[in-house]
């Protein structure tokens, strides 16, 4: 019998497996897709996420990020990161680095889907494997979470995300968040000649239609599109709790509010580490509180910004207010990094 079975081989699942291996536990990852796995993602990693990768022994390359910039027409507000740099990195590059590190530590990778989960007093069985614990990191629409009845009913959140890359020399070392009355566009430099542009919106239309809401940004993207459009959503996923018997939910599977503040990767790495620490400490029930503590600032700030952005008139005040009150904007960015 193995120690930890991980459902899902994305960043959260691979980070959980790496943490388990570093703690001397035997870990197996079950993932249906081949590496590297790509998905719609803003591809900006906060300084805390960069530090977490370093702790895991994961070596990655990308573009250093100095901070966050909000842009709305001629109004803009900058906030530099404090105590470290962020990183713009292609999702596939990040996944490959995590995958290599896990394999190097002896983590086994099995192709397939977890399917149903059976539990006893001291074991959990899924995908034909029996383990002491199961960490579910199977994404935004987690089948494990659904199968265990951990989803809260309710209308799905109306926001969706779309991402595409452009061949262009990055013009900034900030993550630029461009605002319009319809949503936001996130510009992240990920290589010397490549920028990613992710768009979040409640409107359902094609990528080019969304990009037209940001004419100044669209004019900056003179190079050809380098990748196909990838999408994700609905983004909000409400969850009853993060534990069920011998199963712990991490990353997006643990519940999701919105990608507005760009913390997805950092939070995935943090919750994966917290889950494994709770297991190795013999206190799995503590994970729920640990998850709440790690995500509290994100949930509060993201919720406040979402509430403001729902009304077009209020949304247009966000960037002018941030530019007039730089200390407040900087404090918000520092709280999230």
C-alpha atoms as a PDB file:
ATOM      1  CA  UNK A   1       0.000   0.000   0.000  1.00  0.00           C
ATOM      2  CA  UNK A   2       1.331   3.430  -0.932  1.00  0.00           C
ATOM      3  CA  UNK A   3       1.207   6.515   1.259  1.00  0.00           C
ATOM      4  CA  UNK A   4      -0.320   9.145  -1.033  1.00  0.00           C
ATOM      5  CA  UNK A   5      -2.310   8.770  -4.236  1.00  0.00           C
ATOM      6  CA  UNK A   6      -2.643  12.042  -6.154  1.00  0.00           C
ATOM      7  CA  UNK A   7      -5.548  12.541  -8.552  1.00  0.00           C
ATOM      8  CA  UNK A   8      -4.391  15.000 -11.217  1.00  0.00           C
ATOM      9  CA  UNK A   9      -0.943  15.811 -12.542  1.00  0.00           C
ATOM     10  CA  UNK A  10      -1.189  19.578 -12.929  1.00  0.00           C
ATOM     11  CA  UNK A  11       0.901  22.020 -10.854  1.00  0.00           C
ATOM     12  CA  UNK A  12      -1.074  21.402  -7.641  1.00  0.00           C
ATOM     13  CA  UNK A  13      -0.935  17.623  -7.962  1.00  0.00           C
ATOM     14  CA  UNK A  14       2.742  17.513  -8.913  1.00  0.00           C
ATOM     15  CA  UNK A  15       3.604  19.899  -6.070  1.00  0.00           C
ATOM     16  CA  UNK A  16       1.736  17.655  -3.630  1.00  0.00           C
ATOM     17  CA  UNK A  17       3.609  14.598  -4.921  1.00  0.00           C
ATOM     18  CA  UNK A  18       6.962  16.409  -4.637  1.00  0.00           C
ATOM     19  CA  UNK A  19       6.191  17.512  -1.076  1.00  0.00           C
ATOM     20  CA  UNK A  20       5.214  13.943  -0.201  1.00  0.00           C
ATOM     21  CA  UNK A  21       8.411  12.500  -1.712  1.00  0.00           C
ATOM     22  CA  UNK A  22      10.560  15.071   0.105  1.00  0.00           C
ATOM     23  CA  UNK A  23       8.847  13.998   3.338  1.00  0.00           C
ATOM     24  CA  UNK A  24       9.801  10.374   2.692  1.00  0.00           C
ATOM     25  CA  UNK A  25       6.341   9.243   1.558  1.00  0.00           C
ATOM     26  CA  UNK A  26       5.624   7.065  -1.458  1.00  0.00           C
ATOM     27  CA  UNK A  27       3.486   9.008  -3.914  1.00  0.00           C
ATOM     28  CA  UNK A  28       1.732   8.004  -7.137  1.00  0.00           C
ATOM     29  CA  UNK A  29       0.128  10.502  -9.547  1.00  0.00           C
ATOM     30  CA  UNK A  30      -2.765   9.465 -11.805  1.00  0.00           C
ATOM     31  CA  UNK A  31      -3.258  11.787 -14.795  1.00  0.00           C
ATOM     32  CA  UNK A  32      -4.961  11.069 -18.151  1.00  0.00           C
ATOM     33  CA  UNK A  33      -3.014  13.672 -20.168  1.00  0.00           C
ATOM     34  CA  UNK A  34       0.576  13.447 -21.336  1.00  0.00           C
ATOM     35  CA  UNK A  35       3.178  15.964 -20.183  1.00  0.00           C
ATOM     36  CA  UNK A  36       3.434  18.879 -20.663  1.00  0.00           C
ATOM     37  CA  UNK A  37      -0.170  19.843 -19.964  1.00  0.00           C
ATOM     38  CA  UNK A  38      -1.363  23.215 -21.222  1.00  0.00           C
ATOM     39  CA  UNK A  39      -4.464  25.106 -20.106  1.00  0.00           C
ATOM     40  CA  UNK A  40      -5.897  28.617 -20.021  1.00  0.00           C
ATOM     41  CA  UNK A  41      -3.790  30.456 -17.451  1.00  0.00           C
ATOM     42  CA  UNK A  42      -2.545  33.992 -16.870  1.00  0.00           C
ATOM     43  CA  UNK A  43       0.987  32.518 -16.488  1.00  0.00           C
ATOM     44  CA  UNK A  44       2.169  35.067 -13.954  1.00  0.00           C
ATOM     45  CA  UNK A  45       3.600  33.556 -10.768  1.00  0.00           C
ATOM     46  CA  UNK A  46       3.602  35.747  -7.656  1.00  0.00           C
ATOM     47  CA  UNK A  47       6.842  36.063  -5.622  1.00  0.00           C
ATOM     48  CA  UNK A  48       5.465  33.644  -3.023  1.00  0.00           C
ATOM     49  CA  UNK A  49       4.940  31.093  -5.786  1.00  0.00           C
ATOM     50  CA  UNK A  50       8.500  31.606  -7.054  1.00  0.00           C
ATOM     51  CA  UNK A  51       9.777  31.009  -3.509  1.00  0.00           C
ATOM     52  CA  UNK A  52       7.620  27.890  -3.227  1.00  0.00           C
ATOM     53  CA  UNK A  53       9.082  26.474  -6.448  1.00  0.00           C
ATOM     54  CA  UNK A  54      12.568  27.123  -5.101  1.00  0.00           C
ATOM     55  CA  UNK A  55      11.703  25.252  -1.889  1.00  0.00           C
ATOM     56  CA  UNK A  56      10.534  22.291  -3.968  1.00  0.00           C
ATOM     57  CA  UNK A  57      13.828  22.265  -5.855  1.00  0.00           C
ATOM     58  CA  UNK A  58      12.080  23.101  -9.125  1.00  0.00           C
ATOM     59  CA  UNK A  59      14.197  25.052 -11.591  1.00  0.00           C
ATOM     60  CA  UNK A  60      12.248  27.216 -14.027  1.00  0.00           C
ATOM     61  CA  UNK A  61      13.076  29.936 -16.522  1.00  0.00           C
ATOM     62  CA  UNK A  62      10.908  32.804 -17.669  1.00  0.00           C
ATOM     63  CA  UNK A  63      10.640  36.579 -17.540  1.00  0.00           C
ATOM     64  CA  UNK A  64      11.113  38.357 -14.235  1.00  0.00           C
ATOM     65  CA  UNK A  65       8.083  40.409 -13.206  1.00  0.00           C
ATOM     66  CA  UNK A  66       8.504  43.586 -11.198  1.00  0.00           C
ATOM     67  CA  UNK A  67       4.901  44.068 -10.121  1.00  0.00           C
ATOM     68  CA  UNK A  68       1.293  44.694 -11.164  1.00  0.00           C
ATOM     69  CA  UNK A  69       0.064  47.548 -13.358  1.00  0.00           C
ATOM     70  CA  UNK A  70      -3.604  48.496 -13.774  1.00  0.00           C
ATOM     71  CA  UNK A  71      -4.509  50.270 -17.025  1.00  0.00           C
ATOM     72  CA  UNK A  72      -7.762  51.903 -18.149  1.00  0.00           C
ATOM     73  CA  UNK A  73      -7.380  54.309 -21.046  1.00  0.00           C
ATOM     74  CA  UNK A  74      -4.934  56.999 -19.935  1.00  0.00           C
ATOM     75  CA  UNK A  75      -5.248  56.112 -16.251  1.00  0.00           C
ATOM     76  CA  UNK A  76      -2.732  53.679 -14.798  1.00  0.00           C
ATOM     77  CA  UNK A  77      -1.426  52.551 -11.439  1.00  0.00           C
ATOM     78  CA  UNK A  78       1.769  50.617 -10.678  1.00  0.00           C
ATOM     79  CA  UNK A  79       2.658  48.546  -7.632  1.00  0.00           C
ATOM     80  CA  UNK A  80       6.062  46.866  -7.436  1.00  0.00           C
ATOM     81  CA  UNK A  81       6.467  43.583  -5.614  1.00  0.00           C
ATOM     82  CA  UNK A  82       8.208  43.857  -2.282  1.00  0.00           C
ATOM     83  CA  UNK A  83      10.877  41.368  -1.214  1.00  0.00           C
ATOM     84  CA  UNK A  84      11.126  39.376  -4.421  1.00  0.00           C
ATOM     85  CA  UNK A  85      10.341  39.139  -8.112  1.00  0.00           C
ATOM     86  CA  UNK A  86       7.460  37.412  -9.797  1.00  0.00           C
ATOM     87  CA  UNK A  87       7.873  35.243 -12.883  1.00  0.00           C
ATOM     88  CA  UNK A  88       6.121  35.113 -16.235  1.00  0.00           C
ATOM     89  CA  UNK A  89       6.353  31.519 -17.439  1.00  0.00           C
ATOM     90  CA  UNK A  90       4.594  29.414 -20.053  1.00  0.00           C
ATOM     91  CA  UNK A  91       2.275  26.927 -18.432  1.00  0.00           C
ATOM     92  CA  UNK A  92       3.893  24.107 -20.390  1.00  0.00           C
ATOM     93  CA  UNK A  93       7.371  25.134 -19.186  1.00  0.00           C
ATOM     94  CA  UNK A  94       6.212  25.178 -15.577  1.00  0.00           C
ATOM     95  CA  UNK A  95       4.509  21.811 -15.923  1.00  0.00           C
ATOM     96  CA  UNK A  96       7.576  20.203 -17.505  1.00  0.00           C
ATOM     97  CA  UNK A  97       9.808  21.446 -14.669  1.00  0.00           C
ATOM     98  CA  UNK A  98       7.470  20.118 -11.979  1.00  0.00           C
ATOM     99  CA  UNK A  99       7.104  16.822 -13.836  1.00  0.00           C
ATOM    100  CA  UNK A 100      10.884  16.359 -14.092  1.00  0.00           C
ATOM    101  CA  UNK A 101      11.379  17.124 -10.419  1.00  0.00           C
ATOM    102  CA  UNK A 102       8.693  14.642  -9.359  1.00  0.00           C
ATOM    103  CA  UNK A 103      10.159  11.884 -11.517  1.00  0.00           C
ATOM    104  CA  UNK A 104      13.625  12.636 -10.156  1.00  0.00           C
ATOM    105  CA  UNK A 105      12.326  12.055  -6.630  1.00  0.00           C
ATOM    106  CA  UNK A 106      10.857   8.673  -7.550  1.00  0.00           C
ATOM    107  CA  UNK A 107       7.212   9.694  -7.928  1.00  0.00           C
ATOM    108  CA  UNK A 108       5.373   7.243 -10.165  1.00  0.00           C
ATOM    109  CA  UNK A 109       3.165   8.613 -12.952  1.00  0.00           C
ATOM    110  CA  UNK A 110       0.268   6.453 -14.110  1.00  0.00           C
ATOM    111  CA  UNK A 111      -1.923   7.311 -17.117  1.00  0.00           C
ATOM    112  CA  UNK A 112      -5.642   7.182 -16.471  1.00  0.00           C
ATOM    113  CA  UNK A 113      -8.524   8.658 -14.520  1.00  0.00           C
ATOM    114  CA  UNK A 114      -9.238   8.137 -10.850  1.00  0.00           C
ATOM    115  CA  UNK A 115     -12.959   7.399 -11.225  1.00  0.00           C
ATOM    116  CA  UNK A 116     -14.838   6.258  -8.133  1.00  0.00           C
ATOM    117  CA  UNK A 117     -13.361   6.515  -4.651  1.00  0.00           C
ATOM    118  CA  UNK A 118     -13.840   3.898  -1.908  1.00  0.00           C
ATOM    119  CA  UNK A 119     -12.797   4.511   1.672  1.00  0.00           C
ATOM    120  CA  UNK A 120     -12.361   2.446   4.817  1.00  0.00           C
ATOM    121  CA  UNK A 121     -11.207   3.427   8.283  1.00  0.00           C
ATOM    122  CA  UNK A 122      -7.542   3.582   7.316  1.00  0.00           C
ATOM    123  CA  UNK A 123      -7.350   3.288   3.512  1.00  0.00           C
ATOM    124  CA  UNK A 124      -8.697   4.866   0.335  1.00  0.00           C
ATOM    125  CA  UNK A 125      -8.886   3.088  -3.031  1.00  0.00           C
ATOM    126  CA  UNK A 126      -9.187   4.689  -6.460  1.00  0.00           C
ATOM    127  CA  UNK A 127      -7.965   3.844  -9.978  1.00  0.00           C
ATOM    128  CA  UNK A 128      -7.248   0.322  -8.714  1.00  0.00           C
ATOM    129  CA  UNK A 129      -4.702   1.624  -6.175  1.00  0.00           C
ATOM    130  CA  UNK A 130      -4.993   1.512  -2.388  1.00  0.00           C
ATOM    131  CA  UNK A 131      -3.320   4.267  -0.392  1.00  0.00           C
ATOM    132  CA  UNK A 132      -3.344   5.741   3.061  1.00  0.00           C
ATOM    133  CA  UNK A 133      -4.465   9.100   1.664  1.00  0.00           C
ATOM    134  CA  UNK A 134      -5.841  10.573  -1.548  1.00  0.00           C
ATOM    135  CA  UNK A 135      -5.040  14.150  -2.558  1.00  0.00           C
ATOM    136  CA  UNK A 136      -7.499  15.372  -5.178  1.00  0.00           C
ATOM    137  CA  UNK A 137      -5.894  17.942  -7.474  1.00  0.00           C
ATOM    138  CA  UNK A 138      -8.048  17.238 -10.505  1.00  0.00           C
ATOM    139  CA  UNK A 139      -8.889  20.791 -11.415  1.00  0.00           C
ATOM    140  CA  UNK A 140     -11.628  23.387 -11.553  1.00  0.00           C
ATOM    141  CA  UNK A 141     -14.381  20.866 -12.330  1.00  0.00           C
ATOM    142  CA  UNK A 142     -12.979  18.119 -10.094  1.00  0.00           C
ATOM    143  CA  UNK A 143     -14.703  14.756 -10.664  1.00  0.00           C
ATOM    144  CA  UNK A 144     -13.432  13.550  -7.282  1.00  0.00           C
ATOM    145  CA  UNK A 145     -14.993  16.542  -5.537  1.00  0.00           C
ATOM    146  CA  UNK A 146     -18.275  15.978  -7.336  1.00  0.00           C
ATOM    147  CA  UNK A 147     -18.287  12.260  -6.638  1.00  0.00           C
ATOM    148  CA  UNK A 148     -17.813  12.859  -2.900  1.00  0.00           C
ATOM    149  CA  UNK A 149     -20.702  15.334  -2.781  1.00  0.00           C
ATOM    150  CA  UNK A 150     -18.492  18.253  -1.763  1.00  0.00           C
ATOM    151  CA  UNK A 151     -19.841  20.774  -4.278  1.00  0.00           C
ATOM    152  CA  UNK A 152     -22.325  23.389  -3.116  1.00  0.00           C
ATOM    153  CA  UNK A 153     -25.385  23.835  -5.309  1.00  0.00           C
ATOM    154  CA  UNK A 154     -26.041  27.157  -6.950  1.00  0.00           C
ATOM    155  CA  UNK A 155     -25.842  29.025 -10.209  1.00  0.00           C
ATOM    156  CA  UNK A 156     -22.401  28.885 -11.833  1.00  0.00           C
ATOM    157  CA  UNK A 157     -20.365  32.054 -11.771  1.00  0.00           C
ATOM    158  CA  UNK A 158     -20.760  33.860 -15.073  1.00  0.00           C
ATOM    159  CA  UNK A 159     -17.078  34.639 -15.730  1.00  0.00           C
ATOM    160  CA  UNK A 160     -14.935  32.717 -18.180  1.00  0.00           C
ATOM    161  CA  UNK A 161     -11.296  32.988 -19.185  1.00  0.00           C
ATOM    162  CA  UNK A 162      -9.635  32.875 -22.620  1.00  0.00           C
ATOM    163  CA  UNK A 163      -5.895  32.977 -23.348  1.00  0.00           C
ATOM    164  CA  UNK A 164      -3.706  33.347 -26.424  1.00  0.00           C
ATOM    165  CA  UNK A 165      -0.022  34.194 -27.015  1.00  0.00           C
ATOM    166  CA  UNK A 166       1.477  36.706 -29.427  1.00  0.00           C
ATOM    167  CA  UNK A 167       4.929  36.966 -30.977  1.00  0.00           C
ATOM    168  CA  UNK A 168       5.998  40.350 -29.695  1.00  0.00           C
ATOM    169  CA  UNK A 169       8.853  41.780 -27.704  1.00  0.00           C
ATOM    170  CA  UNK A 170       7.522  42.462 -24.192  1.00  0.00           C
ATOM    171  CA  UNK A 171       7.106  46.186 -23.580  1.00  0.00           C
ATOM    172  CA  UNK A 172       6.886  45.899 -19.787  1.00  0.00           C
ATOM    173  CA  UNK A 173       8.188  43.894 -16.848  1.00  0.00           C
ATOM    174  CA  UNK A 174       4.859  44.273 -15.057  1.00  0.00           C
ATOM    175  CA  UNK A 175       1.777  42.103 -15.365  1.00  0.00           C
ATOM    176  CA  UNK A 176      -0.575  44.590 -17.006  1.00  0.00           C
ATOM    177  CA  UNK A 177      -4.257  44.366 -16.153  1.00  0.00           C
ATOM    178  CA  UNK A 178      -6.311  46.301 -18.695  1.00  0.00           C
ATOM    179  CA  UNK A 179      -9.849  47.131 -17.576  1.00  0.00           C
ATOM    180  CA  UNK A 180     -13.006  47.718 -19.579  1.00  0.00           C
ATOM    181  CA  UNK A 181     -16.697  47.679 -18.715  1.00  0.00           C
ATOM    182  CA  UNK A 182     -16.877  44.106 -20.018  1.00  0.00           C
ATOM    183  CA  UNK A 183     -13.927  42.563 -18.142  1.00  0.00           C
ATOM    184  CA  UNK A 184     -10.151  42.533 -17.876  1.00  0.00           C
ATOM    185  CA  UNK A 185      -7.220  41.609 -20.117  1.00  0.00           C
ATOM    186  CA  UNK A 186      -4.026  40.331 -18.480  1.00  0.00           C
ATOM    187  CA  UNK A 187      -0.757  40.826 -20.344  1.00  0.00           C
ATOM    188  CA  UNK A 188       2.118  38.659 -19.084  1.00  0.00           C
ATOM    189  CA  UNK A 189       5.606  38.573 -20.673  1.00  0.00           C
ATOM    190  CA  UNK A 190       6.652  34.903 -20.739  1.00  0.00           C
ATOM    191  CA  UNK A 191       9.703  34.975 -23.047  1.00  0.00           C
ATOM    192  CA  UNK A 192      11.931  37.439 -24.865  1.00  0.00           C
ATOM    193  CA  UNK A 193       9.626  37.413 -27.885  1.00  0.00           C
ATOM    194  CA  UNK A 194       6.345  36.163 -26.440  1.00  0.00           C
ATOM    195  CA  UNK A 195       3.511  37.685 -24.413  1.00  0.00           C
ATOM    196  CA  UNK A 196       0.397  35.970 -23.142  1.00  0.00           C
ATOM    197  CA  UNK A 197      -2.931  37.799 -23.137  1.00  0.00           C
ATOM    198  CA  UNK A 198      -5.674  36.306 -20.982  1.00  0.00           C
ATOM    199  CA  UNK A 199      -9.154  37.816 -20.920  1.00  0.00           C
ATOM    200  CA  UNK A 200     -11.765  37.401 -18.175  1.00  0.00           C
ATOM    201  CA  UNK A 201     -15.355  38.349 -18.892  1.00  0.00           C
ATOM    202  CA  UNK A 202     -18.984  37.491 -18.250  1.00  0.00           C
ATOM    203  CA  UNK A 203     -19.763  37.931 -21.934  1.00  0.00           C
ATOM    204  CA  UNK A 204     -19.743  34.862 -24.159  1.00  0.00           C
ATOM    205  CA  UNK A 205     -18.106  35.633 -27.489  1.00  0.00           C
ATOM    206  CA  UNK A 206     -14.922  34.827 -29.408  1.00  0.00           C
ATOM    207  CA  UNK A 207     -11.459  35.929 -28.337  1.00  0.00           C
ATOM    208  CA  UNK A 208     -11.159  38.630 -31.010  1.00  0.00           C
ATOM    209  CA  UNK A 209     -14.489  40.078 -29.941  1.00  0.00           C
ATOM    210  CA  UNK A 210     -13.238  40.329 -26.365  1.00  0.00           C
ATOM    211  CA  UNK A 211      -9.921  41.852 -27.445  1.00  0.00           C
ATOM    212  CA  UNK A 212     -11.764  44.586 -29.371  1.00  0.00           C
ATOM    213  CA  UNK A 213     -12.880  45.999 -26.003  1.00  0.00           C
ATOM    214  CA  UNK A 214      -9.208  46.941 -25.413  1.00  0.00           C
ATOM    215  CA  UNK A 215      -8.246  48.941 -28.552  1.00  0.00           C
ATOM    216  CA  UNK A 216      -4.974  50.319 -27.150  1.00  0.00           C
ATOM    217  CA  UNK A 217      -3.818  46.854 -26.148  1.00  0.00           C
ATOM    218  CA  UNK A 218      -4.926  45.346 -29.454  1.00  0.00           C
ATOM    219  CA  UNK A 219      -2.841  47.941 -31.304  1.00  0.00           C
ATOM    220  CA  UNK A 220       0.234  46.833 -29.317  1.00  0.00           C
ATOM    221  CA  UNK A 221      -0.110  43.239 -30.494  1.00  0.00           C
ATOM    222  CA  UNK A 222       1.367  43.707 -33.949  1.00  0.00           C
ATOM    223  CA  UNK A 223       2.959  40.271 -34.090  1.00  0.00           C
ATOM    224  CA  UNK A 224       1.041  37.174 -35.195  1.00  0.00           C
ATOM    225  CA  UNK A 225      -0.849  34.976 -32.758  1.00  0.00           C
ATOM    226  CA  UNK A 226       1.551  32.234 -31.651  1.00  0.00           C
ATOM    227  CA  UNK A 227      -0.889  29.814 -30.014  1.00  0.00           C
ATOM    228  CA  UNK A 228      -4.483  28.751 -30.271  1.00  0.00           C
ATOM    229  CA  UNK A 229      -7.103  30.143 -27.915  1.00  0.00           C
ATOM    230  CA  UNK A 230      -7.664  28.124 -24.756  1.00  0.00           C
ATOM    231  CA  UNK A 231     -10.593  28.683 -22.427  1.00  0.00           C
ATOM    232  CA  UNK A 232     -11.734  27.828 -18.903  1.00  0.00           C
ATOM    233  CA  UNK A 233     -14.869  28.339 -16.853  1.00  0.00           C
ATOM    234  CA  UNK A 234     -17.217  29.005 -15.322  1.00  0.00           C
ATOM    235  CA  UNK A 235     -14.599  30.080 -12.808  1.00  0.00           C
ATOM    236  CA  UNK A 236     -16.448  30.168  -9.503  1.00  0.00           C
ATOM    237  CA  UNK A 237     -16.656  26.766  -7.813  1.00  0.00           C
ATOM    238  CA  UNK A 238     -18.276  26.580  -4.386  1.00  0.00           C
ATOM    239  CA  UNK A 239     -17.206  23.765  -2.083  1.00  0.00           C
ATOM    240  CA  UNK A 240     -18.700  22.510   1.196  1.00  0.00           C
ATOM    241  CA  UNK A 241     -15.335  21.586   2.697  1.00  0.00           C
ATOM    242  CA  UNK A 242     -11.832  20.562   1.657  1.00  0.00           C
ATOM    243  CA  UNK A 243     -11.719  17.146   3.380  1.00  0.00           C
ATOM    244  CA  UNK A 244     -13.838  14.007   3.236  1.00  0.00           C
ATOM    245  CA  UNK A 245     -12.513  11.094   5.235  1.00  0.00           C
ATOM    246  CA  UNK A 246      -9.079  10.286   3.853  1.00  0.00           C
ATOM    247  CA  UNK A 247      -9.421  12.642   0.874  1.00  0.00           C
ATOM    248  CA  UNK A 248      -8.024  16.197   0.795  1.00  0.00           C
ATOM    249  CA  UNK A 249      -8.744  18.721  -1.992  1.00  0.00           C
ATOM    250  CA  UNK A 250      -5.974  21.054  -3.185  1.00  0.00           C
ATOM    251  CA  UNK A 251      -5.546  23.672  -5.908  1.00  0.00           C
ATOM    252  CA  UNK A 252      -8.579  24.579  -7.999  1.00  0.00           C
ATOM    253  CA  UNK A 253     -10.357  21.410  -6.852  1.00  0.00           C
ATOM    254  CA  UNK A 254     -10.566  22.907  -3.350  1.00  0.00           C
ATOM    255  CA  UNK A 255     -12.848  25.694  -4.583  1.00  0.00           C
ATOM    256  CA  UNK A 256     -12.301  28.759  -6.730  1.00  0.00           C
ATOM    257  CA  UNK A 257     -13.524  32.324  -6.721  1.00  0.00           C
ATOM    258  CA  UNK A 258     -11.934  34.070  -9.706  1.00  0.00           C
ATOM    259  CA  UNK A 259      -8.602  34.601 -11.479  1.00  0.00           C
ATOM    260  CA  UNK A 260      -8.817  38.378 -11.136  1.00  0.00           C
ATOM    261  CA  UNK A 261      -5.853  38.766  -8.763  1.00  0.00           C
ATOM    262  CA  UNK A 262      -3.588  36.256 -10.544  1.00  0.00           C
ATOM    263  CA  UNK A 263      -2.720  34.029  -7.587  1.00  0.00           C
ATOM    264  CA  UNK A 264      -3.775  30.649  -8.957  1.00  0.00           C
ATOM    265  CA  UNK A 265      -0.338  29.031  -9.219  1.00  0.00           C
ATOM    266  CA  UNK A 266       0.934  30.430  -5.913  1.00  0.00           C
ATOM    267  CA  UNK A 267      -2.172  29.217  -4.079  1.00  0.00           C
ATOM    268  CA  UNK A 268      -2.020  25.806  -5.769  1.00  0.00           C
ATOM    269  CA  UNK A 269       1.554  25.335  -4.553  1.00  0.00           C
ATOM    270  CA  UNK A 270       0.716  26.623  -1.070  1.00  0.00           C
ATOM    271  CA  UNK A 271      -2.349  24.433  -0.530  1.00  0.00           C
ATOM    272  CA  UNK A 272      -0.512  21.367  -1.841  1.00  0.00           C
ATOM    273  CA  UNK A 273       2.252  21.936   0.688  1.00  0.00           C
ATOM    274  CA  UNK A 274      -0.240  22.522   3.509  1.00  0.00           C
ATOM    275  CA  UNK A 275      -2.106  19.298   2.741  1.00  0.00           C
ATOM    276  CA  UNK A 276       1.045  17.173   2.870  1.00  0.00           C
ATOM    277  CA  UNK A 277       2.261  18.876   6.057  1.00  0.00           C
ATOM    278  CA  UNK A 278      -1.057  18.113   7.759  1.00  0.00           C
ATOM    279  CA  UNK A 279      -0.702  14.449   6.752  1.00  0.00           C
ATOM    280  CA  UNK A 280       2.906  14.120   7.886  1.00  0.00           C
ATOM    281  CA  UNK A 281       2.046  15.861  11.183  1.00  0.00           C
ATOM    282  CA  UNK A 282      -0.742  13.341  11.750  1.00  0.00           C
ATOM    283  CA  UNK A 283      -3.358  16.106  11.800  1.00  0.00           C
ATOM    284  CA  UNK A 284      -5.347  15.838   8.548  1.00  0.00           C
ATOM    285  CA  UNK A 285      -8.350  17.569  10.107  1.00  0.00           C
ATOM    286  CA  UNK A 286      -6.217  20.720  10.434  1.00  0.00           C
ATOM    287  CA  UNK A 287      -6.091  21.111   6.656  1.00  0.00           C
ATOM    288  CA  UNK A 288      -9.455  22.878   6.446  1.00  0.00           C
ATOM    289  CA  UNK A 289      -8.223  25.633   8.755  1.00  0.00           C
ATOM    290  CA  UNK A 290      -4.866  25.786   6.990  1.00  0.00           C
ATOM    291  CA  UNK A 291      -6.607  26.214   3.622  1.00  0.00           C
ATOM    292  CA  UNK A 292      -8.825  28.987   4.996  1.00  0.00           C
ATOM    293  CA  UNK A 293      -5.813  30.813   6.440  1.00  0.00           C
ATOM    294  CA  UNK A 294      -3.768  30.556   3.226  1.00  0.00           C
ATOM    295  CA  UNK A 295      -6.582  31.782   0.982  1.00  0.00           C
ATOM    296  CA  UNK A 296      -8.222  34.388   3.239  1.00  0.00           C
ATOM    297  CA  UNK A 297      -6.602  37.509   1.773  1.00  0.00           C
ATOM    298  CA  UNK A 298      -7.146  36.264  -1.754  1.00  0.00           C
ATOM    299  CA  UNK A 299     -10.830  35.600  -1.112  1.00  0.00           C
ATOM    300  CA  UNK A 300     -11.418  38.961   0.552  1.00  0.00           C
ATOM    301  CA  UNK A 301      -9.663  41.119  -2.044  1.00  0.00           C
ATOM    302  CA  UNK A 302     -10.913  39.153  -5.042  1.00  0.00           C
ATOM    303  CA  UNK A 303     -14.459  39.255  -3.699  1.00  0.00           C
ATOM    304  CA  UNK A 304     -14.268  43.016  -3.222  1.00  0.00           C
ATOM    305  CA  UNK A 305     -12.906  43.625  -6.724  1.00  0.00           C
ATOM    306  CA  UNK A 306     -15.511  41.317  -8.261  1.00  0.00           C
ATOM    307  CA  UNK A 307     -18.298  43.162  -6.484  1.00  0.00           C
ATOM    308  CA  UNK A 308     -16.965  46.475  -7.808  1.00  0.00           C
ATOM    309  CA  UNK A 309     -16.505  45.144 -11.340  1.00  0.00           C
ATOM    310  CA  UNK A 310     -20.078  43.864 -11.657  1.00  0.00           C
ATOM    311  CA  UNK A 311     -21.341  47.414 -12.197  1.00  0.00           C
ATOM    312  CA  UNK A 312     -19.798  49.109 -15.252  1.00  0.00           C
ATOM    313  CA  UNK A 313     -19.914  52.536 -13.617  1.00  0.00           C
ATOM    314  CA  UNK A 314     -18.062  51.285 -10.553  1.00  0.00           C
ATOM    315  CA  UNK A 315     -15.614  49.222 -12.573  1.00  0.00           C
ATOM    316  CA  UNK A 316     -14.422  52.316 -14.440  1.00  0.00           C
ATOM    317  CA  UNK A 317     -13.486  53.904 -11.102  1.00  0.00           C
ATOM    318  CA  UNK A 318     -11.103  51.124 -10.026  1.00  0.00           C
ATOM    319  CA  UNK A 319      -8.009  52.210 -11.964  1.00  0.00           C
ATOM    320  CA  UNK A 320      -8.454  55.983 -11.399  1.00  0.00           C
ATOM    321  CA  UNK A 321      -8.877  55.288  -7.667  1.00  0.00           C
ATOM    322  CA  UNK A 322      -5.758  53.082  -7.623  1.00  0.00           C
ATOM    323  CA  UNK A 323      -3.740  55.759  -9.444  1.00  0.00           C
ATOM    324  CA  UNK A 324      -4.855  58.455  -6.983  1.00  0.00           C
ATOM    325  CA  UNK A 325      -4.100  56.281  -3.941  1.00  0.00           C
ATOM    326  CA  UNK A 326      -0.826  54.475  -4.734  1.00  0.00           C
ATOM    327  CA  UNK A 327      -0.158  53.416  -1.107  1.00  0.00           C
ATOM    328  CA  UNK A 328      -3.509  51.643  -0.951  1.00  0.00           C
ATOM    329  CA  UNK A 329      -2.952  49.901  -4.291  1.00  0.00           C
ATOM    330  CA  UNK A 330       0.564  48.868  -3.271  1.00  0.00           C
ATOM    331  CA  UNK A 331      -0.737  47.527   0.044  1.00  0.00           C
ATOM    332  CA  UNK A 332      -3.290  45.381  -1.795  1.00  0.00           C
ATOM    333  CA  UNK A 333      -0.640  43.950  -4.129  1.00  0.00           C
ATOM    334  CA  UNK A 334       1.747  43.296  -1.229  1.00  0.00           C
ATOM    335  CA  UNK A 335      -1.005  41.452   0.640  1.00  0.00           C
ATOM    336  CA  UNK A 336      -1.390  39.055  -2.264  1.00  0.00           C
ATOM    337  CA  UNK A 337       2.228  38.438  -3.225  1.00  0.00           C
END
